[in-house]
Amino acid sequence: MSATGGAPQATGGAVGGGPSTTDALNVVAITVDSGPAGRNYIDGAFVSVTLCEPGTGNCQTIDHLLVDTGSTGVRVLESVLTLHLPDAPSGTGKSLAECMPFGSGTSWGPVRLADVKVAAEIAPKVSIQVIGERSFAQPSACAGLPNNDVDTLGANGIFGIGVLAEDCGPTCTRVNPDGHGYYECSSATACAQVGVPLAGQVSNPIIAFPVDNNGSFIQLPSVPSAGAPSAGGYLVFGIGTRPNNGLGNAKVIAVDGDGFAMTVFPTNGSLYRSFVDTGSNGIFFSGATTAELPACTGLWTGFYCPPKSADYGASIIGIDHTEAEVSFSVANASQLSVSNHAFSNLAGPGMSAFDWGLPFHFGRKVFTAIESRSTPAGAGPYVAF
């Protein structure tokens, strides 16, 4: 799973919508807007998160962390952090750092401990990543386009609340030949790859909440086909743990241990591995149908520019064969207003998987259940909408 950053960008007003219990302890507002000052992010859902030095009242609230259901873990730019967070223990007395790949590039930086506070929820003393090279220089083995500052990341950090409990899982309990994963650092320029047990990895903050610790849902309003300057929605923690977070009639789509389901696209068409991901700023897919969807050039490179808006149907299928039909539109991105940055119809060419990014979430309530956590619909991992 991956957060997709950048892409064309703009400034904005607001669109309403959200749960009626907006003052509940487990509800926090999210905003789709232009991102941190000076950025022009398209289709990024952002939240403010408070970090504290563990067990103290020395805290800092950081705005514009990208809400990402396609990754796991809290990540904040070193350049915006003013706290002195302690190192996460490595077991050898050395400092831990991480090389984390995303769809838009690679984030590097030390692993630290923090109390994470969102709404009235508190995750005490969890491992987070501090993104940047002030503490340790990014080693050459950590390949990929660096996403280590606000210009390359497009946000002040990432709030990763996907279906996994840890960000890398069993893969990172050993050294990875591709250079991704964890490193032990003995000095600013001496970092070597290392395997890290699950308990020491950057973790999903939700699992450390006292009650609402089995998942979350995101609710965003519908937006016009021309887009909107911005959109306001809600992130609600827990699934079936309070009166305001029940599944209702949402269709539950079970996913595998990596967070993947399947998508048939177009209707009665080809079968693709697929995932649901608020961190991607479009619906990304490739295949025979894309012959009628020319790619954009210039400002909107990375998206499709069909001669006119195109409507499609697809089916998302869980690993238990539960199926949900989905319809969506693909706009000519180059014809959309650059003063808007909340769009439900942005799509672009992808890799082999079908990526249901943020546009999929407008006008829907989308649940993300964490692996092995009990919910009224059974244990995660699953998505539901």
Protein backbone atom coordinates (compact mmCIF):
# COMPACT_ATOMS: atom_id res chain seq x y z
CA MET A 1 0.00 0.00 0.00
CA SER A 2 1.19 3.45 -0.61
CA ALA A 3 0.44 7.07 -0.13
CA THR A 4 0.53 8.94 -3.39
CA GLY A 5 1.63 12.52 -2.89
CA GLY A 6 1.95 15.56 -5.09
CA ALA A 7 0.19 15.99 -8.46
CA PRO A 8 -1.32 19.29 -9.59
CA GLN A 9 -2.50 21.59 -6.85
CA ALA A 10 -4.69 24.71 -5.76
CA THR A 11 -6.62 26.69 -2.85
CA GLY A 12 -10.11 26.57 -1.29
CA GLY A 13 -13.54 26.97 0.49
CA ALA A 14 -15.51 24.08 2.08
CA VAL A 15 -18.20 21.46 1.54
CA GLY A 16 -20.13 20.15 4.55
CA GLY A 17 -21.23 16.67 5.57
CA GLY A 18 -20.38 14.12 8.26
CA PRO A 19 -21.71 12.13 11.22
CA SER A 20 -24.24 13.79 13.54
CA THR A 21 -22.12 13.02 16.61
CA THR A 22 -19.29 15.32 15.64
CA ASP A 23 -18.52 16.17 19.26
CA ALA A 24 -17.96 12.53 20.24
CA LEU A 25 -14.69 11.49 21.84
CA ASN A 26 -13.78 9.30 18.86
CA VAL A 27 -14.47 11.78 16.04
CA VAL A 28 -11.98 14.15 14.42
CA ALA A 29 -12.50 16.46 11.46
CA ILE A 30 -10.58 15.82 8.27
CA THR A 31 -10.19 18.33 5.45
CA VAL A 32 -9.47 17.89 1.78
CA ASP A 33 -7.65 21.10 0.90
CA SER A 34 -4.46 22.49 -0.58
CA GLY A 35 -2.24 21.04 2.13
CA PRO A 36 0.37 22.90 4.20
CA ALA A 37 0.99 26.57 3.47
CA GLY A 38 2.58 27.07 0.09
CA ARG A 39 1.47 23.69 -1.26
CA ASN A 40 -1.28 23.01 -3.78
CA TYR A 41 -2.20 19.40 -3.04
CA ILE A 42 -4.97 17.69 -5.03
CA ASP A 43 -7.25 15.14 -3.32
CA GLY A 44 -5.37 14.91 -0.05
CA ALA A 45 -7.36 14.26 3.15
CA PHE A 46 -5.62 15.87 6.13
CA VAL A 47 -5.93 15.71 9.91
CA SER A 48 -4.25 17.45 12.84
CA VAL A 49 -2.47 15.16 15.31
CA THR A 50 -0.97 15.97 18.71
CA LEU A 51 2.33 14.35 19.66
CA CYS A 52 3.70 14.40 23.19
CA GLU A 53 6.97 13.40 24.77
CA PRO A 54 5.89 10.12 26.42
CA GLY A 55 4.21 10.48 29.78
CA THR A 56 4.50 14.29 29.81
CA GLY A 57 2.43 17.33 29.00
CA ASN A 58 5.06 18.58 26.59
CA CYS A 59 3.08 18.32 23.37
CA GLN A 60 2.87 19.71 19.86
CA THR A 61 -0.11 19.70 17.51
CA ILE A 62 0.89 19.21 13.89
CA ASP A 63 -1.56 20.01 11.13
CA HIS A 64 -1.87 18.51 7.66
CA LEU A 65 -0.88 14.92 8.24
CA LEU A 66 -2.15 12.94 5.26
CA VAL A 67 -4.79 10.40 6.30
CA ASP A 68 -3.66 7.16 4.65
CA THR A 69 -5.62 3.91 4.86
CA GLY A 70 -3.08 2.38 2.49
CA SER A 71 -0.20 2.45 4.98
CA THR A 72 0.42 2.00 8.69
CA GLY A 73 2.03 4.32 11.22
CA VAL A 74 2.43 7.94 12.21
CA ARG A 75 5.15 9.81 10.32
CA VAL A 76 6.03 13.46 10.82
CA LEU A 77 8.59 15.66 9.11
CA GLU A 78 11.69 16.34 11.17
CA SER A 79 11.57 19.92 9.91
CA VAL A 80 8.25 20.69 11.66
CA LEU A 81 8.88 18.79 14.90
CA THR A 82 9.95 20.83 17.93
CA LEU A 83 9.67 18.06 20.55
CA HIS A 84 12.60 16.00 21.81
CA LEU A 85 11.20 12.51 21.36
CA PRO A 86 13.22 9.57 22.72
CA ASP A 87 14.68 6.93 20.41
CA ALA A 88 12.73 3.74 19.98
CA PRO A 89 14.77 0.91 21.54
CA SER A 90 16.76 -1.21 19.12
CA GLY A 91 17.86 -3.82 21.64
CA THR A 92 21.54 -3.05 21.03
CA GLY A 93 21.74 0.52 22.27
CA LYS A 94 21.93 1.93 18.76
CA SER A 95 19.30 4.19 17.19
CA LEU A 96 16.67 2.83 14.82
CA ALA A 97 15.80 4.42 11.49
CA GLU A 98 13.50 3.31 8.69
CA CYS A 99 13.46 3.33 4.90
CA MET A 100 9.76 3.24 3.97
CA PRO A 101 8.65 3.02 0.31
CA PHE A 102 5.47 4.74 -0.92
CA GLY A 103 3.95 5.09 -4.35
CA SER A 104 5.35 8.59 -4.70
CA GLY A 105 8.81 7.92 -3.27
CA THR A 106 10.72 6.77 -0.19
CA SER A 107 10.64 8.25 3.30
CA TRP A 108 13.72 7.95 5.50
CA GLY A 109 14.31 8.91 9.11
CA PRO A 110 14.68 7.86 12.74
CA VAL A 111 12.14 5.85 14.75
CA ARG A 112 11.06 7.62 17.92
CA LEU A 113 8.54 7.13 20.74
CA ALA A 114 5.58 9.45 21.28
CA ASP A 115 2.16 9.65 22.85
CA VAL A 116 -0.22 10.18 19.94
CA LYS A 117 -3.43 12.10 20.58
CA VAL A 118 -6.30 12.49 18.07
CA ALA A 119 -9.73 13.78 19.16
CA ALA A 120 -9.93 12.42 22.72
CA GLU A 121 -8.12 9.21 21.79
CA ILE A 122 -4.62 8.58 23.18
CA ALA A 123 -2.11 5.99 21.96
CA PRO A 124 0.63 6.00 24.62
CA LYS A 125 4.30 5.54 23.83
CA VAL A 126 4.01 4.21 20.28
CA SER A 127 6.77 4.01 17.70
CA ILE A 128 6.56 6.64 14.98
CA GLN A 129 8.86 7.66 12.14
CA VAL A 130 10.41 11.12 12.02
CA ILE A 131 10.99 11.81 8.32
CA GLY A 132 14.18 13.60 7.37
CA GLU A 133 17.97 13.48 7.33
CA ARG A 134 18.88 15.80 10.20
CA SER A 135 19.68 12.86 12.49
CA PHE A 136 20.98 10.34 9.98
CA ALA A 137 21.94 10.65 6.32
CA GLN A 138 19.87 8.46 4.02
CA PRO A 139 22.04 5.48 3.04
CA SER A 140 22.49 4.57 -0.60
CA ALA A 141 20.79 1.20 -0.01
CA CYS A 142 17.57 3.10 0.79
CA ALA A 143 16.64 3.66 -2.84
CA GLY A 144 13.79 5.62 -4.37
CA LEU A 145 12.86 9.24 -4.89
CA PRO A 146 13.29 10.90 -1.46
CA ASN A 147 10.07 12.05 0.23
CA ASN A 148 11.84 13.70 3.15
CA ASP A 149 10.52 17.26 3.16
CA VAL A 150 7.29 19.17 2.65
CA ASP A 151 8.06 19.89 -1.00
CA THR A 152 8.44 16.24 -1.94
CA LEU A 153 5.87 14.77 0.49
CA GLY A 154 3.28 17.54 0.04
CA ALA A 155 2.22 17.16 3.69
CA ASN A 156 3.65 17.60 7.18
CA GLY A 157 3.47 13.87 7.69
CA ILE A 158 1.35 10.76 7.27
CA PHE A 159 -1.32 9.34 9.57
CA GLY A 160 -1.29 5.72 8.44
CA ILE A 161 -4.35 3.82 9.68
CA GLY A 162 -4.61 0.91 7.26
CA VAL A 163 -5.59 -2.71 7.91
CA LEU A 164 -2.18 -3.78 9.25
CA ALA A 165 -1.07 -3.56 12.87
CA GLU A 166 2.56 -2.85 11.97
CA ASP A 167 3.93 -0.96 9.00
CA CYS A 168 6.15 -3.71 7.62
CA GLY A 169 5.22 -6.88 9.49
CA PRO A 170 7.09 -10.19 9.10
CA THR A 171 8.92 -8.86 6.03
CA CYS A 172 10.90 -6.47 8.24
CA THR A 173 11.77 -8.97 10.94
CA ARG A 174 14.67 -9.76 8.62
CA VAL A 175 16.95 -7.76 6.35
CA ASN A 176 15.41 -6.99 2.95
CA PRO A 177 17.63 -7.21 -0.14
CA ASP A 178 15.84 -4.22 -1.71
CA GLY A 179 17.14 -1.92 1.04
CA HIS A 180 13.73 -1.10 2.48
CA GLY A 181 12.94 -1.67 6.14
CA TYR A 182 14.83 -0.88 9.32
CA TYR A 183 18.40 0.25 10.04
CA GLU A 184 20.56 0.55 13.14
CA CYS A 185 22.58 3.77 13.25
CA SER A 186 25.70 4.23 15.33
CA SER A 187 26.45 7.72 13.97
CA ALA A 188 25.01 10.30 11.59
CA THR A 189 26.56 8.53 8.60
CA ALA A 190 26.76 4.90 9.77
CA CYS A 191 23.48 3.01 9.39
CA ALA A 192 23.20 -0.71 8.62
CA GLN A 193 20.12 -2.78 7.81
CA VAL A 194 18.61 -4.87 10.58
CA GLY A 195 15.53 -7.01 11.22
CA VAL A 196 13.12 -5.69 13.86
CA PRO A 197 10.53 -7.76 15.78
CA LEU A 198 6.88 -6.82 15.26
CA ALA A 199 6.67 -5.20 18.70
CA GLY A 200 9.46 -2.78 17.80
CA GLN A 201 8.10 -1.66 14.44
CA VAL A 202 6.22 1.56 13.64
CA SER A 203 2.66 0.62 14.52
CA ASN A 204 -0.91 1.55 13.71
CA PRO A 205 -1.79 4.11 16.42
CA ILE A 206 -5.39 2.87 16.59
CA ILE A 207 -4.39 -0.47 18.13
CA ALA A 208 -3.08 1.37 21.19
CA PHE A 209 -6.38 3.19 21.89
CA PRO A 210 -8.10 1.89 25.05
CA VAL A 211 -11.51 1.13 23.47
CA ASP A 212 -11.83 2.15 19.81
CA ASN A 213 -8.92 -0.01 18.76
CA ASN A 214 -10.26 -2.27 15.99
CA GLY A 215 -10.44 0.14 13.05
CA SER A 216 -12.07 3.32 11.82
CA PHE A 217 -14.22 4.83 9.13
CA ILE A 218 -13.93 7.91 6.95
CA GLN A 219 -16.97 9.86 5.82
CA LEU A 220 -16.63 12.45 3.07
CA PRO A 221 -19.43 14.35 1.33
CA SER A 222 -20.23 14.15 -2.35
CA VAL A 223 -18.61 16.85 -4.49
CA PRO A 224 -19.76 18.27 -7.84
CA SER A 225 -18.40 16.77 -11.05
CA ALA A 226 -16.37 19.96 -11.51
CA GLY A 227 -14.81 19.48 -8.07
CA ALA A 228 -14.82 21.77 -5.05
CA PRO A 229 -12.26 24.15 -3.51
CA SER A 230 -12.16 21.90 -0.44
CA ALA A 231 -14.26 19.34 1.40
CA GLY A 232 -14.80 18.68 5.08
CA GLY A 233 -15.42 15.20 6.47
CA TYR A 234 -14.85 13.05 9.52
CA LEU A 235 -12.61 10.29 10.75
CA VAL A 236 -14.35 8.12 13.34
CA PHE A 237 -12.38 5.60 15.41
CA GLY A 238 -13.65 2.14 16.29
CA ILE A 239 -16.08 -0.21 14.56
CA GLY A 240 -19.10 -1.18 16.64
CA THR A 241 -17.49 0.08 19.84
CA ARG A 242 -19.88 3.02 20.30
CA PRO A 243 -23.33 4.07 19.06
CA ASN A 244 -21.75 6.33 16.40
CA ASN A 245 -19.52 3.77 14.65
CA GLY A 246 -21.73 0.83 13.74
CA LEU A 247 -21.40 -0.80 10.33
CA GLY A 248 -25.09 -0.39 9.48
CA ASN A 249 -25.73 -1.86 6.04
CA ALA A 250 -22.15 -1.48 4.81
CA LYS A 251 -20.96 -4.36 2.61
CA VAL A 252 -17.96 -6.07 4.20
CA ILE A 253 -15.12 -6.93 1.79
CA ALA A 254 -12.53 -9.22 3.37
CA VAL A 255 -8.93 -8.53 2.30
CA ASP A 256 -5.81 -10.66 2.49
CA GLY A 257 -2.89 -10.25 4.86
CA ASP A 258 -1.43 -7.51 2.65
CA GLY A 259 -4.70 -5.58 2.40
CA PHE A 260 -5.68 -6.70 -1.09
CA ALA A 261 -9.07 -7.73 -2.46
CA MET A 262 -9.89 -8.17 -6.16
CA THR A 263 -11.60 -5.89 -8.67
CA VAL A 264 -13.37 -6.89 -11.88
CA PHE A 265 -13.03 -4.02 -14.33
CA PRO A 266 -14.89 -3.04 -16.38
CA THR A 267 -18.14 -4.86 -15.56
CA ASN A 268 -17.63 -8.47 -16.71
CA GLY A 269 -14.05 -7.52 -17.61
CA SER A 270 -10.61 -8.46 -16.32
CA LEU A 271 -9.69 -9.37 -12.76
CA TYR A 272 -7.12 -7.26 -10.86
CA ARG A 273 -5.68 -7.28 -7.36
CA SER A 274 -6.99 -4.14 -5.72
CA PHE A 275 -6.91 -2.06 -2.56
CA VAL A 276 -8.72 0.90 -0.99
CA ASP A 277 -6.40 3.78 -0.13
CA THR A 278 -7.15 7.35 0.99
CA GLY A 279 -3.47 8.18 0.54
CA SER A 280 -3.71 7.93 -3.26
CA ASN A 281 -5.03 11.08 -4.91
CA GLY A 282 -6.79 9.32 -7.77
CA ILE A 283 -8.29 6.02 -8.85
CA PHE A 284 -5.35 4.34 -10.56
CA PHE A 285 -5.75 1.44 -12.99
CA SER A 286 -4.56 0.16 -16.33
CA GLY A 287 -5.88 -2.36 -18.80
CA ALA A 288 -7.61 -2.71 -22.15
CA THR A 289 -10.21 -0.06 -21.31
CA THR A 290 -7.55 2.58 -20.85
CA ALA A 291 -7.06 2.65 -24.63
CA GLU A 292 -9.98 5.07 -24.62
CA LEU A 293 -8.41 7.09 -21.78
CA PRO A 294 -5.41 9.04 -23.05
CA ALA A 295 -2.93 10.19 -20.44
CA CYS A 296 -2.66 13.88 -19.65
CA THR A 297 0.46 15.93 -20.25
CA GLY A 298 1.79 19.06 -18.58
CA LEU A 299 0.33 20.09 -15.22
CA TRP A 300 -1.95 17.05 -15.01
CA THR A 301 0.60 14.38 -15.93
CA GLY A 302 -0.24 11.18 -14.10
CA PHE A 303 -3.99 11.43 -14.72
CA TYR A 304 -6.30 10.52 -17.60
CA CYS A 305 -7.62 13.10 -20.06
CA PRO A 306 -10.45 11.47 -22.06
CA PRO A 307 -12.18 13.64 -24.72
CA LYS A 308 -15.23 13.72 -22.44
CA SER A 309 -16.09 12.37 -19.00
CA ALA A 310 -16.34 8.57 -19.06
CA ASP A 311 -18.55 6.45 -16.77
CA TYR A 312 -17.57 2.93 -15.69
CA GLY A 313 -18.77 0.05 -13.58
CA ALA A 314 -16.67 -2.40 -11.58
CA SER A 315 -17.03 -5.01 -8.85
CA ILE A 316 -14.86 -5.22 -5.74
CA ILE A 317 -14.61 -8.82 -4.55
CA GLY A 318 -13.40 -9.96 -1.14
CA ILE A 319 -11.23 -12.99 -0.53
CA ASP A 320 -14.41 -14.70 0.77
CA HIS A 321 -16.06 -13.91 -2.63
CA THR A 322 -18.38 -11.24 -1.23
CA GLU A 323 -18.99 -8.76 -4.04
CA ALA A 324 -19.90 -5.06 -4.18
CA GLU A 325 -20.71 -3.20 -7.38
CA VAL A 326 -19.17 0.23 -7.83
CA SER A 327 -19.70 2.93 -10.43
CA PHE A 328 -17.33 5.83 -11.02
CA SER A 329 -16.50 8.54 -13.52
CA VAL A 330 -13.23 9.62 -15.09
CA ALA A 331 -12.96 13.33 -15.96
CA ASN A 332 -10.62 15.01 -18.37
CA ALA A 333 -8.28 16.32 -15.69
CA SER A 334 -6.94 19.12 -17.86
CA GLN A 335 -10.45 20.59 -18.11
CA LEU A 336 -10.91 20.81 -14.33
CA SER A 337 -10.45 24.07 -12.46
CA VAL A 338 -7.05 24.56 -10.86
CA SER A 339 -8.80 26.50 -8.10
CA ASN A 340 -10.41 23.25 -6.88
CA HIS A 341 -8.68 20.38 -5.16
CA ALA A 342 -11.42 18.00 -4.05
CA PHE A 343 -12.37 15.75 -6.98
CA SER A 344 -14.37 12.52 -7.13
CA ASN A 345 -13.52 11.76 -10.77
CA LEU A 346 -9.73 11.91 -11.01
CA ALA A 347 -8.14 8.74 -12.36
CA GLY A 348 -4.86 7.78 -13.91
CA PRO A 349 -2.73 4.94 -15.20
CA GLY A 350 -1.53 2.54 -12.54
CA MET A 351 0.57 -0.54 -12.12
CA SER A 352 -0.88 -4.05 -12.17
CA ALA A 353 -3.19 -3.45 -9.18
CA PHE A 354 -6.40 -1.41 -9.10
CA ASP A 355 -6.03 1.44 -6.59
CA TRP A 356 -9.30 2.84 -5.20
CA GLY A 357 -7.90 6.17 -4.02
CA LEU A 358 -9.48 9.18 -2.35
CA PRO A 359 -12.02 9.92 -5.16
CA PHE A 360 -13.70 6.60 -4.28
CA HIS A 361 -14.42 7.94 -0.78
CA PHE A 362 -16.49 10.99 -1.71
CA GLY A 363 -20.17 10.40 -0.90
CA ARG A 364 -19.34 7.19 1.00
CA LYS A 365 -18.66 5.97 4.50
CA VAL A 366 -15.68 3.62 4.20
CA PHE A 367 -14.58 1.37 7.07
CA THR A 368 -11.11 -0.09 7.61
CA ALA A 369 -10.87 -3.02 10.05
CA ILE A 370 -7.44 -3.91 11.43
CA GLU A 371 -6.06 -7.42 11.16
CA SER A 372 -6.96 -9.84 13.98
CA ARG A 373 -9.09 -7.25 15.76
CA SER A 374 -12.62 -8.30 16.69
CA THR A 375 -15.56 -6.37 15.18
CA PRO A 376 -19.31 -7.03 14.89
CA ALA A 377 -18.65 -8.44 11.39
CA GLY A 378 -15.84 -10.70 12.56
CA ALA A 379 -12.12 -10.12 12.82
CA GLY A 380 -10.25 -7.87 10.39
CA PRO A 381 -8.70 -7.28 8.00
CA TYR A 382 -11.51 -5.95 5.85
CA VAL A 383 -12.90 -2.82 4.28
CA ALA A 384 -16.61 -2.02 4.21
CA PHE A 385 -18.75 0.59 2.47
